[in-house]
Amino acid sequence: MRARGGVSRTSYDVTPSQQLSLLNRRFTVHKQVVNIATAVTLDEALDAARLEAALRLTILRWDAFGLRFTRRFGRVRQHFAERETLGITHI
């Protein structure tokens, strides 16, 4: 498979559990079946810079954060893309 820019990449079939998630997204009304919100309450001081550094390192090391899905000829395929660590927001 050729990526944008003409770079070749290997793609893989989706697993049965991924197929189930894709079907849930396609046929549910509220489209929230794969969004798992998480909240944590801490009673102690938090080093936000250290937490952000740990999150960015996790994103770089954990393959699932680089996983991208594409549809070609009616089939969903997956491939590993460059990791992006944009979007870490402090509230």
PDB file of N, CA and C in Angstrom:
ATOM      1  N   MET A   1       0.832  -1.170   0.000  1.00  0.00           N
ATOM      2  CA  MET A   1       0.000   0.000   0.000  1.00  0.00           C
ATOM      3  C   MET A   1       0.882   1.240   0.000  1.00  0.00           C
ATOM      4  N   ARG A   2       0.503   2.238  -0.772  1.00  0.00           N
ATOM      5  CA  ARG A   2       1.242   3.499  -0.813  1.00  0.00           C
ATOM      6  C   ARG A   2       0.565   4.520   0.083  1.00  0.00           C
ATOM      7  N   ALA A   3       1.342   5.123   0.941  1.00  0.00           N
ATOM      8  CA  ALA A   3       0.834   6.186   1.803  1.00  0.00           C
ATOM      9  C   ALA A   3       0.831   7.488   1.031  1.00  0.00           C
ATOM     10  N   ARG A   4       0.277   8.515   1.636  1.00  0.00           N
ATOM     11  CA  ARG A   4       0.354   9.840   1.020  1.00  0.00           C
ATOM     12  C   ARG A   4       1.800  10.203   0.816  1.00  0.00           C
ATOM     13  N   GLY A   5       2.104  10.798  -0.286  1.00  0.00           N
ATOM     14  CA  GLY A   5       3.477  11.156  -0.582  1.00  0.00           C
ATOM     15  C   GLY A   5       4.234  10.037  -1.270  1.00  0.00           C
ATOM     16  N   GLY A   6       3.553   8.909  -1.570  1.00  0.00           N
ATOM     17  CA  GLY A   6       4.176   7.839  -2.309  1.00  0.00           C
ATOM     18  C   GLY A   6       5.041   6.893  -1.485  1.00  0.00           C
ATOM     19  N   VAL A   7       5.030   7.016  -0.159  1.00  0.00           N
ATOM     20  CA  VAL A   7       5.832   6.136   0.691  1.00  0.00           C
ATOM     21  C   VAL A   7       5.090   4.820   0.872  1.00  0.00           C
ATOM     22  N   SER A   8       5.798   3.715   0.715  1.00  0.00           N
ATOM     23  CA  SER A   8       5.197   2.398   0.872  1.00  0.00           C
ATOM     24  C   SER A   8       5.100   2.036   2.348  1.00  0.00           C
ATOM     25  N   ARG A   9       3.996   1.393   2.737  1.00  0.00           N
ATOM     26  CA  ARG A   9       3.850   0.937   4.121  1.00  0.00           C
ATOM     27  C   ARG A   9       3.113  -0.388   4.137  1.00  0.00           C
ATOM     28  N   THR A  10       3.335  -1.148   5.179  1.00  0.00           N
ATOM     29  CA  THR A  10       2.672  -2.430   5.342  1.00  0.00           C
ATOM     30  C   THR A  10       1.360  -2.214   6.066  1.00  0.00           C
ATOM     31  N   SER A  11       0.293  -2.849   5.591  1.00  0.00           N
ATOM     32  CA  SER A  11      -0.982  -2.774   6.288  1.00  0.00           C
ATOM     33  C   SER A  11      -1.412  -4.180   6.677  1.00  0.00           C
ATOM     34  N   TYR A  12      -2.302  -4.255   7.660  1.00  0.00           N
ATOM     35  CA  TYR A  12      -2.716  -5.526   8.240  1.00  0.00           C
ATOM     36  C   TYR A  12      -4.233  -5.585   8.318  1.00  0.00           C
ATOM     37  N   ASP A  13      -4.789  -6.799   8.275  1.00  0.00           N
ATOM     38  CA  ASP A  13      -6.223  -6.970   8.494  1.00  0.00           C
ATOM     39  C   ASP A  13      -6.562  -6.549   9.924  1.00  0.00           C
ATOM     40  N   VAL A  14      -7.791  -6.087  10.130  1.00  0.00           N
ATOM     41  CA  VAL A  14      -8.229  -5.772  11.488  1.00  0.00           C
ATOM     42  C   VAL A  14      -8.583  -7.066  12.204  1.00  0.00           C
ATOM     43  N   THR A  15      -8.456  -7.064  13.519  1.00  0.00           N
ATOM     44  CA  THR A  15      -8.774  -8.246  14.325  1.00  0.00           C
ATOM     45  C   THR A  15     -10.287  -8.327  14.525  1.00  0.00           C
ATOM     46  N   PRO A  16     -10.803  -9.488  14.952  1.00  0.00           N
ATOM     47  CA  PRO A  16     -12.247  -9.592  15.212  1.00  0.00           C
ATOM     48  C   PRO A  16     -12.751  -8.555  16.228  1.00  0.00           C
ATOM     49  N   SER A  17     -11.995  -8.283  17.275  1.00  0.00           N
ATOM     50  CA  SER A  17     -12.459  -7.291  18.248  1.00  0.00           C
ATOM     51  C   SER A  17     -12.466  -5.891  17.643  1.00  0.00           C
ATOM     52  N   GLN A  18     -11.522  -5.587  16.754  1.00  0.00           N
ATOM     53  CA  GLN A  18     -11.534  -4.298  16.062  1.00  0.00           C
ATOM     54  C   GLN A  18     -12.724  -4.219  15.106  1.00  0.00           C
ATOM     55  N   GLN A  19     -13.045  -5.337  14.437  1.00  0.00           N
ATOM     56  CA  GLN A  19     -14.205  -5.364  13.552  1.00  0.00           C
ATOM     57  C   GLN A  19     -15.479  -5.056  14.341  1.00  0.00           C
ATOM     58  N   LEU A  20     -15.598  -5.621  15.547  1.00  0.00           N
ATOM     59  CA  LEU A  20     -16.761  -5.367  16.391  1.00  0.00           C
ATOM     60  C   LEU A  20     -16.869  -3.882  16.744  1.00  0.00           C
ATOM     61  N   SER A  21     -15.748  -3.262  17.101  1.00  0.00           N
ATOM     62  CA  SER A  21     -15.758  -1.831  17.410  1.00  0.00           C
ATOM     63  C   SER A  21     -16.163  -1.009  16.190  1.00  0.00           C
ATOM     64  N   LEU A  22     -15.658  -1.380  15.019  1.00  0.00           N
ATOM     65  CA  LEU A  22     -16.022  -0.662  13.796  1.00  0.00           C
ATOM     66  C   LEU A  22     -17.508  -0.805  13.490  1.00  0.00           C
ATOM     67  N   LEU A  23     -18.056  -1.999  13.682  1.00  0.00           N
ATOM     68  CA  LEU A  23     -19.494  -2.200  13.471  1.00  0.00           C
ATOM     69  C   LEU A  23     -20.315  -1.407  14.486  1.00  0.00           C
ATOM     70  N   ASN A  24     -19.861  -1.381  15.733  1.00  0.00           N
ATOM     71  CA  ASN A  24     -20.558  -0.593  16.754  1.00  0.00           C
ATOM     72  C   ASN A  24     -20.585   0.879  16.364  1.00  0.00           C
ATOM     73  N   ARG A  25     -19.463   1.407  15.904  1.00  0.00           N
ATOM     74  CA  ARG A  25     -19.404   2.808  15.481  1.00  0.00           C
ATOM     75  C   ARG A  25     -20.351   3.060  14.307  1.00  0.00           C
ATOM     76  N   ARG A  26     -20.452   2.102  13.427  1.00  0.00           N
ATOM     77  CA  ARG A  26     -21.267   2.308  12.225  1.00  0.00           C
ATOM     78  C   ARG A  26     -22.763   2.255  12.514  1.00  0.00           C
ATOM     79  N   PHE A  27     -23.182   1.372  13.427  1.00  0.00           N
ATOM     80  CA  PHE A  27     -24.610   1.116  13.582  1.00  0.00           C
ATOM     81  C   PHE A  27     -25.218   1.602  14.903  1.00  0.00           C
ATOM     82  N   THR A  28     -24.480   2.270  15.758  1.00  0.00           N
ATOM     83  CA  THR A  28     -25.081   2.797  16.986  1.00  0.00           C
ATOM     84  C   THR A  28     -25.510   4.240  16.768  1.00  0.00           C
ATOM     85  N   VAL A  29     -26.474   4.660  17.536  1.00  0.00           N
ATOM     86  CA  VAL A  29     -27.039   5.994  17.381  1.00  0.00           C
ATOM     87  C   VAL A  29     -26.093   7.066  17.910  1.00  0.00           C
ATOM     88  N   HIS A  30     -25.489   6.828  19.072  1.00  0.00           N
ATOM     89  CA  HIS A  30     -24.743   7.886  19.742  1.00  0.00           C
ATOM     90  C   HIS A  30     -23.238   7.877  19.491  1.00  0.00           C
ATOM     91  N   LYS A  31     -22.705   6.886  18.801  1.00  0.00           N
ATOM     92  CA  LYS A  31     -21.299   6.840  18.388  1.00  0.00           C
ATOM     93  C   LYS A  31     -20.316   6.980  19.554  1.00  0.00           C
ATOM     94  N   GLN A  32     -20.680   6.485  20.723  1.00  0.00           N
ATOM     95  CA  GLN A  32     -19.828   6.625  21.893  1.00  0.00           C
ATOM     96  C   GLN A  32     -19.295   5.289  22.395  1.00  0.00           C
ATOM     97  N   VAL A  33     -19.371   4.255  21.602  1.00  0.00           N
ATOM     98  CA  VAL A  33     -19.013   2.925  22.066  1.00  0.00           C
ATOM     99  C   VAL A  33     -17.524   2.717  22.268  1.00  0.00           C
ATOM    100  N   VAL A  34     -16.682   3.511  21.624  1.00  0.00           N
ATOM    101  CA  VAL A  34     -15.248   3.328  21.798  1.00  0.00           C
ATOM    102  C   VAL A  34     -14.583   4.478  22.534  1.00  0.00           C
ATOM    103  N   ASN A  35     -15.365   5.444  22.969  1.00  0.00           N
ATOM    104  CA  ASN A  35     -14.814   6.562  23.741  1.00  0.00           C
ATOM    105  C   ASN A  35     -14.935   6.247  25.226  1.00  0.00           C
ATOM    106  N   ILE A  36     -13.811   6.000  25.847  1.00  0.00           N
ATOM    107  CA  ILE A  36     -13.812   5.656  27.264  1.00  0.00           C
ATOM    108  C   ILE A  36     -13.187   6.825  28.018  1.00  0.00           C
ATOM    109  N   ALA A  37     -14.039   7.592  28.658  1.00  0.00           N
ATOM    110  CA  ALA A  37     -13.549   8.755  29.402  1.00  0.00           C
ATOM    111  C   ALA A  37     -12.950   8.296  30.725  1.00  0.00           C
ATOM    112  N   THR A  38     -11.909   8.977  31.146  1.00  0.00           N
ATOM    113  CA  THR A  38     -11.250   8.654  32.412  1.00  0.00           C
ATOM    114  C   THR A  38     -11.014   9.942  33.177  1.00  0.00           C
ATOM    115  N   ALA A  39     -11.270   9.887  34.472  1.00  0.00           N
ATOM    116  CA  ALA A  39     -11.011  11.043  35.332  1.00  0.00           C
ATOM    117  C   ALA A  39     -10.307  10.553  36.587  1.00  0.00           C
ATOM    118  N   VAL A  40      -9.414  11.357  37.085  1.00  0.00           N
ATOM    119  CA  VAL A  40      -8.658  11.016  38.291  1.00  0.00           C
ATOM    120  C   VAL A  40      -8.697  12.220  39.232  1.00  0.00           C
ATOM    121  N   THR A  41      -8.952  11.963  40.500  1.00  0.00           N
ATOM    122  CA  THR A  41      -8.911  13.020  41.508  1.00  0.00           C
ATOM    123  C   THR A  41      -7.727  12.740  42.417  1.00  0.00           C
ATOM    124  N   LEU A  42      -6.865  13.735  42.590  1.00  0.00           N
ATOM    125  CA  LEU A  42      -5.675  13.585  43.428  1.00  0.00           C
ATOM    126  C   LEU A  42      -5.770  14.511  44.626  1.00  0.00           C
ATOM    127  N   ASP A  43      -5.357  14.016  45.773  1.00  0.00           N
ATOM    128  CA  ASP A  43      -5.359  14.821  46.999  1.00  0.00           C
ATOM    129  C   ASP A  43      -4.001  15.453  47.259  1.00  0.00           C
ATOM    130  N   GLU A  44      -3.042  15.199  46.398  1.00  0.00           N
ATOM    131  CA  GLU A  44      -1.687  15.717  46.585  1.00  0.00           C
ATOM    132  C   GLU A  44      -1.301  16.594  45.403  1.00  0.00           C
ATOM    133  N   ALA A  45      -0.218  17.333  45.566  1.00  0.00           N
ATOM    134  CA  ALA A  45       0.270  18.182  44.484  1.00  0.00           C
ATOM    135  C   ALA A  45       0.697  17.321  43.297  1.00  0.00           C
ATOM    136  N   LEU A  46       0.477  17.843  42.113  1.00  0.00           N
ATOM    137  CA  LEU A  46       0.807  17.126  40.900  1.00  0.00           C
ATOM    138  C   LEU A  46       1.881  17.898  40.133  1.00  0.00           C
ATOM    139  N   ASP A  47       2.900  17.186  39.701  1.00  0.00           N
ATOM    140  CA  ASP A  47       3.931  17.786  38.856  1.00  0.00           C
ATOM    141  C   ASP A  47       3.459  17.645  37.409  1.00  0.00           C
ATOM    142  N   ALA A  48       2.764  18.679  36.902  1.00  0.00           N
ATOM    143  CA  ALA A  48       2.154  18.620  35.577  1.00  0.00           C
ATOM    144  C   ALA A  48       3.184  18.385  34.474  1.00  0.00           C
ATOM    145  N   ALA A  49       4.348  18.994  34.587  1.00  0.00           N
ATOM    146  CA  ALA A  49       5.385  18.819  33.559  1.00  0.00           C
ATOM    147  C   ALA A  49       5.859  17.371  33.508  1.00  0.00           C
ATOM    148  N   ARG A  50       6.015  16.752  34.660  1.00  0.00           N
ATOM    149  CA  ARG A  50       6.458  15.349  34.699  1.00  0.00           C
ATOM    150  C   ARG A  50       5.371  14.427  34.151  1.00  0.00           C
ATOM    151  N   LEU A  51       4.116  14.719  34.489  1.00  0.00           N
ATOM    152  CA  LEU A  51       3.005  13.922  33.968  1.00  0.00           C
ATOM    153  C   LEU A  51       2.931  14.036  32.441  1.00  0.00           C
ATOM    154  N   GLU A  52       3.058  15.248  31.923  1.00  0.00           N
ATOM    155  CA  GLU A  52       3.024  15.432  30.471  1.00  0.00           C
ATOM    156  C   GLU A  52       4.176  14.709  29.790  1.00  0.00           C
ATOM    157  N   ALA A  53       5.357  14.766  30.368  1.00  0.00           N
ATOM    158  CA  ALA A  53       6.513  14.062  29.804  1.00  0.00           C
ATOM    159  C   ALA A  53       6.249  12.553  29.777  1.00  0.00           C
ATOM    160  N   ALA A  54       5.643  12.032  30.847  1.00  0.00           N
ATOM    161  CA  ALA A  54       5.328  10.599  30.906  1.00  0.00           C
ATOM    162  C   ALA A  54       4.290  10.231  29.852  1.00  0.00           C
ATOM    163  N   LEU A  55       3.276  11.078  29.664  1.00  0.00           N
ATOM    164  CA  LEU A  55       2.256  10.809  28.642  1.00  0.00           C
ATOM    165  C   LEU A  55       2.855  10.822  27.239  1.00  0.00           C
ATOM    166  N   ARG A  56       3.705  11.792  26.966  1.00  0.00           N
ATOM    167  CA  ARG A  56       4.335  11.860  25.642  1.00  0.00           C
ATOM    168  C   ARG A  56       5.212  10.633  25.379  1.00  0.00           C
ATOM    169  N   LEU A  57       5.934  10.176  26.399  1.00  0.00           N
ATOM    170  CA  LEU A  57       6.758   8.982  26.258  1.00  0.00           C
ATOM    171  C   LEU A  57       5.887   7.746  26.029  1.00  0.00           C
ATOM    172  N   THR A  58       4.778   7.666  26.741  1.00  0.00           N
ATOM    173  CA  THR A  58       3.848   6.547  26.558  1.00  0.00           C
ATOM    174  C   THR A  58       3.313   6.516  25.140  1.00  0.00           C
ATOM    175  N   ILE A  59       2.927   7.681  24.618  1.00  0.00           N
ATOM    176  CA  ILE A  59       2.411   7.755  23.255  1.00  0.00           C
ATOM    177  C   ILE A  59       3.458   7.277  22.253  1.00  0.00           C
ATOM    178  N   LEU A  60       4.708   7.639  22.463  1.00  0.00           N
ATOM    179  CA  LEU A  60       5.774   7.218  21.552  1.00  0.00           C
ATOM    180  C   LEU A  60       6.041   5.723  21.620  1.00  0.00           C
ATOM    181  N   ARG A  61       5.875   5.122  22.793  1.00  0.00           N
ATOM    182  CA  ARG A  61       6.230   3.708  22.981  1.00  0.00           C
ATOM    183  C   ARG A  61       5.082   2.735  22.749  1.00  0.00           C
ATOM    184  N   TRP A  62       3.841   3.179  22.871  1.00  0.00           N
ATOM    185  CA  TRP A  62       2.693   2.280  22.808  1.00  0.00           C
ATOM    186  C   TRP A  62       2.175   2.238  21.380  1.00  0.00           C
ATOM    187  N   ASP A  63       2.267   1.085  20.736  1.00  0.00           N
ATOM    188  CA  ASP A  63       1.897   0.941  19.333  1.00  0.00           C
ATOM    189  C   ASP A  63       0.472   1.393  19.036  1.00  0.00           C
ATOM    190  N   ALA A  64      -0.463   1.175  19.951  1.00  0.00           N
ATOM    191  CA  ALA A  64      -1.860   1.518  19.686  1.00  0.00           C
ATOM    192  C   ALA A  64      -2.047   2.995  19.381  1.00  0.00           C
ATOM    193  N   PHE A  65      -1.192   3.864  19.911  1.00  0.00           N
ATOM    194  CA  PHE A  65      -1.329   5.296  19.635  1.00  0.00           C
ATOM    195  C   PHE A  65      -0.903   5.649  18.209  1.00  0.00           C
ATOM    196  N   GLY A  66      -0.180   4.770  17.553  1.00  0.00           N
ATOM    197  CA  GLY A  66       0.235   5.015  16.181  1.00  0.00           C
ATOM    198  C   GLY A  66      -0.608   4.270  15.158  1.00  0.00           C
ATOM    199  N   LEU A  67      -1.583   3.523  15.631  1.00  0.00           N
ATOM    200  CA  LEU A  67      -2.412   2.708  14.750  1.00  0.00           C
ATOM    201  C   LEU A  67      -3.417   3.579  14.002  1.00  0.00           C
ATOM    202  N   ARG A  68      -3.481   3.412  12.693  1.00  0.00           N
ATOM    203  CA  ARG A  68      -4.410   4.163  11.852  1.00  0.00           C
ATOM    204  C   ARG A  68      -5.185   3.182  10.982  1.00  0.00           C
ATOM    205  N   PHE A  69      -6.447   3.502  10.742  1.00  0.00           N
ATOM    206  CA  PHE A  69      -7.308   2.655   9.932  1.00  0.00           C
ATOM    207  C   PHE A  69      -7.608   3.343   8.604  1.00  0.00           C
ATOM    208  N   THR A  70      -7.643   2.547   7.548  1.00  0.00           N
ATOM    209  CA  THR A  70      -8.004   3.049   6.221  1.00  0.00           C
ATOM    210  C   THR A  70      -8.978   2.069   5.586  1.00  0.00           C
ATOM    211  N   ARG A  71      -9.750   2.562   4.658  1.00  0.00           N
ATOM    212  CA  ARG A  71     -10.671   1.694   3.909  1.00  0.00           C
ATOM    213  C   ARG A  71     -10.253   1.735   2.448  1.00  0.00           C
ATOM    214  N   ARG A  72      -9.993   0.560   1.895  1.00  0.00           N
ATOM    215  CA  ARG A  72      -9.627   0.449   0.474  1.00  0.00           C
ATOM    216  C   ARG A  72     -10.420  -0.686  -0.140  1.00  0.00           C
ATOM    217  N   PHE A  73     -11.102  -0.367  -1.222  1.00  0.00           N
ATOM    218  CA  PHE A  73     -11.882  -1.376  -1.942  1.00  0.00           C
ATOM    219  C   PHE A  73     -12.876  -2.084  -1.021  1.00  0.00           C
ATOM    220  N   GLY A  74     -13.467  -1.323  -0.081  1.00  0.00           N
ATOM    221  CA  GLY A  74     -14.478  -1.873   0.819  1.00  0.00           C
ATOM    222  C   GLY A  74     -13.941  -2.622   2.024  1.00  0.00           C
ATOM    223  N   ARG A  75     -12.630  -2.735   2.148  1.00  0.00           N
ATOM    224  CA  ARG A  75     -12.027  -3.453   3.281  1.00  0.00           C
ATOM    225  C   ARG A  75     -11.315  -2.470   4.184  1.00  0.00           C
ATOM    226  N   VAL A  76     -11.489  -2.664   5.494  1.00  0.00           N
ATOM    227  CA  VAL A  76     -10.775  -1.845   6.460  1.00  0.00           C
ATOM    228  C   VAL A  76      -9.427  -2.496   6.730  1.00  0.00           C
ATOM    229  N   ARG A  77      -8.378  -1.697   6.663  1.00  0.00           N
ATOM    230  CA  ARG A  77      -7.015  -2.156   6.939  1.00  0.00           C
ATOM    231  C   ARG A  77      -6.429  -1.263   8.005  1.00  0.00           C
ATOM    232  N   GLN A  78      -5.354  -1.700   8.628  1.00  0.00           N
ATOM    233  CA  GLN A  78      -4.683  -0.895   9.639  1.00  0.00           C
ATOM    234  C   GLN A  78      -3.192  -0.843   9.352  1.00  0.00           C
ATOM    235  N   HIS A  79      -2.576   0.247   9.784  1.00  0.00           N
ATOM    236  CA  HIS A  79      -1.125   0.391   9.624  1.00  0.00           C
ATOM    237  C   HIS A  79      -0.602   1.258  10.768  1.00  0.00           C
ATOM    238  N   PHE A  80       0.685   1.215  10.965  1.00  0.00           N
ATOM    239  CA  PHE A  80       1.318   2.005  12.011  1.00  0.00           C
ATOM    240  C   PHE A  80       1.877   3.277  11.402  1.00  0.00           C
ATOM    241  N   ALA A  81       1.442   4.411  11.922  1.00  0.00           N
ATOM    242  CA  ALA A  81       1.885   5.715  11.447  1.00  0.00           C
ATOM    243  C   ALA A  81       2.836   6.319  12.477  1.00  0.00           C
ATOM    244  N   GLU A  82       3.371   7.478  12.123  1.00  0.00           N
ATOM    245  CA  GLU A  82       4.192   8.204  13.084  1.00  0.00           C
ATOM    246  C   GLU A  82       3.325   8.601  14.274  1.00  0.00           C
ATOM    247  N   ARG A  83       3.899   8.565  15.452  1.00  0.00           N
ATOM    248  CA  ARG A  83       3.159   8.949  16.658  1.00  0.00           C
ATOM    249  C   ARG A  83       3.054  10.465  16.732  1.00  0.00           C
ATOM    250  N   GLU A  84       1.888  10.934  17.075  1.00  0.00           N
ATOM    251  CA  GLU A  84       1.676  12.357  17.259  1.00  0.00           C
ATOM    252  C   GLU A  84       1.341  12.600  18.720  1.00  0.00           C
ATOM    253  N   THR A  85       1.998  13.535  19.323  1.00  0.00           N
ATOM    254  CA  THR A  85       1.736  13.806  20.731  1.00  0.00           C
ATOM    255  C   THR A  85       1.080  15.166  20.927  1.00  0.00           C
ATOM    256  N   LEU A  86       0.493  15.684  19.877  1.00  0.00           N
ATOM    257  CA  LEU A  86      -0.263  16.924  20.009  1.00  0.00           C
ATOM    258  C   LEU A  86      -1.564  16.636  20.744  1.00  0.00           C
ATOM    259  N   GLY A  87      -2.117  17.623  21.355  1.00  0.00           N
ATOM    260  CA  GLY A  87      -3.430  17.458  21.946  1.00  0.00           C
ATOM    261  C   GLY A  87      -3.452  17.163  23.424  1.00  0.00           C
ATOM    262  N   ILE A  88      -2.334  17.228  24.113  1.00  0.00           N
ATOM    263  CA  ILE A  88      -2.341  17.085  25.560  1.00  0.00           C
ATOM    264  C   ILE A  88      -2.721  18.443  26.133  1.00  0.00           C
ATOM    265  N   THR A  89      -3.864  18.493  26.792  1.00  0.00           N
ATOM    266  CA  THR A  89      -4.402  19.762  27.279  1.00  0.00           C
ATOM    267  C   THR A  89      -4.533  19.739  28.797  1.00  0.00           C
ATOM    268  N   HIS A  90      -4.136  20.826  29.416  1.00  0.00           N
ATOM    269  CA  HIS A  90      -4.299  20.976  30.856  1.00  0.00           C
ATOM    270  C   HIS A  90      -5.598  21.715  31.111  1.00  0.00           C
ATOM    271  N   ILE A  91      -6.413  21.172  31.985  1.00  0.00           N
ATOM    272  CA  ILE A  91      -7.680  21.831  32.323  1.00  0.00           C
ATOM    273  C   ILE A  91      -7.621  22.328  33.757  1.00  0.00           C
TER     274      ILE A  91
END
